[in-house]
Amino acid sequence: MKTLLLHILRELLQHPEALELTEAVGGSTTYYEVRCHPDDVGIVIGKNGKTISAIRVLINSVAGRDERKAVLEIIEPD
């Protein structure tokens, strides 16, 4: 699933080289933290959060096949 998420995010970003994706696997939940270039944060979130919501729905659908949940968070640069 990490590969799918990386592919989706790289296609959206203007600075794909700055993308960092961290995966932490818990009991029944997988956590993903996305760090990207400050100019790309708005692109990933999208207007009214629609882009990030769509990505979350997609990864939860894939995770649901294995009876897991996926949590995706955007970590904004300081």
Protein backbone atom coordinates (compact mmCIF):
# COMPACT_ATOMS: atom_id res chain seq x y z
CA MET A 1 0.00 0.00 0.00
CA LYS A 2 2.94 2.33 0.65
CA THR A 3 3.96 1.98 -3.00
CA LEU A 4 0.48 2.97 -4.15
CA LEU A 5 0.45 5.97 -1.86
CA LEU A 6 3.91 7.08 -3.03
CA HIS A 7 2.83 6.82 -6.66
CA ILE A 8 -0.32 8.88 -6.09
CA LEU A 9 1.47 11.59 -4.12
CA ARG A 10 4.42 11.90 -6.51
CA GLU A 11 2.05 12.54 -9.39
CA LEU A 12 0.39 15.39 -7.49
CA LEU A 13 3.50 17.20 -6.26
CA GLN A 14 5.53 19.90 -7.95
CA HIS A 15 8.57 18.87 -5.87
CA PRO A 16 8.33 15.05 -5.70
CA GLU A 17 11.97 14.78 -4.60
CA ALA A 18 11.06 16.40 -1.26
CA LEU A 19 8.40 13.78 -0.46
CA GLU A 20 8.92 11.72 2.69
CA LEU A 21 6.45 8.99 3.60
CA THR A 22 6.74 7.25 6.96
CA GLU A 23 4.81 4.05 7.66
CA ALA A 24 4.11 2.69 11.15
CA VAL A 25 2.21 -0.57 11.49
CA GLY A 26 0.13 -1.06 14.62
CA GLY A 27 -2.18 -3.88 15.67
CA SER A 28 -4.96 -3.39 13.13
CA THR A 29 -4.05 0.09 11.90
CA THR A 30 -1.32 1.39 9.63
CA TYR A 31 -0.27 5.01 10.11
CA TYR A 32 1.24 7.10 7.33
CA GLU A 33 2.90 10.47 7.80
CA VAL A 34 3.48 12.59 4.73
CA ARG A 35 6.09 15.33 4.69
CA CYS A 36 6.54 17.39 1.55
CA HIS A 37 7.78 20.72 0.26
CA PRO A 38 5.88 23.69 1.80
CA ASP A 39 4.57 24.69 -1.63
CA ASP A 40 3.01 21.24 -2.10
CA VAL A 41 1.07 21.00 1.18
CA GLY A 42 -1.90 22.89 -0.27
CA ILE A 43 -1.91 20.68 -3.35
CA VAL A 44 -2.03 17.49 -1.28
CA ILE A 45 -4.79 18.84 0.95
CA GLY A 46 -6.78 20.27 -1.96
CA LYS A 47 -9.65 22.71 -1.95
CA ASN A 48 -11.68 22.20 1.23
CA GLY A 49 -9.65 19.03 1.89
CA LYS A 50 -11.18 17.12 -1.00
CA THR A 51 -7.93 15.73 -2.39
CA ILE A 52 -6.66 14.36 0.93
CA SER A 53 -10.12 12.98 1.69
CA ALA A 54 -10.17 11.11 -1.61
CA ILE A 55 -6.70 9.67 -0.96
CA ARG A 56 -7.79 8.57 2.53
CA VAL A 57 -10.87 6.83 1.11
CA LEU A 58 -8.70 5.05 -1.44
CA ILE A 59 -6.09 3.77 1.02
CA ASN A 60 -8.78 2.71 3.50
CA SER A 61 -10.46 0.73 0.74
CA VAL A 62 -7.20 -1.07 0.01
CA ALA A 63 -6.49 -1.61 3.72
CA GLY A 64 -10.02 -2.91 4.24
CA ARG A 65 -9.24 -5.94 2.10
CA ASP A 66 -6.94 -7.15 4.89
CA GLU A 67 -9.39 -6.02 7.60
CA ARG A 68 -7.09 -3.15 8.56
CA LYS A 69 -7.48 0.60 8.85
CA ALA A 70 -5.17 3.24 7.45
CA VAL A 71 -4.56 6.69 8.92
CA LEU A 72 -2.95 9.34 6.73
CA GLU A 73 -1.61 12.56 8.22
CA ILE A 74 0.05 15.52 6.56
CA ILE A 75 2.87 16.94 8.65
CA GLU A 76 3.22 20.61 7.78
CA PRO A 77 6.75 22.04 7.70
CA ASP A 78 7.66 24.58 10.38
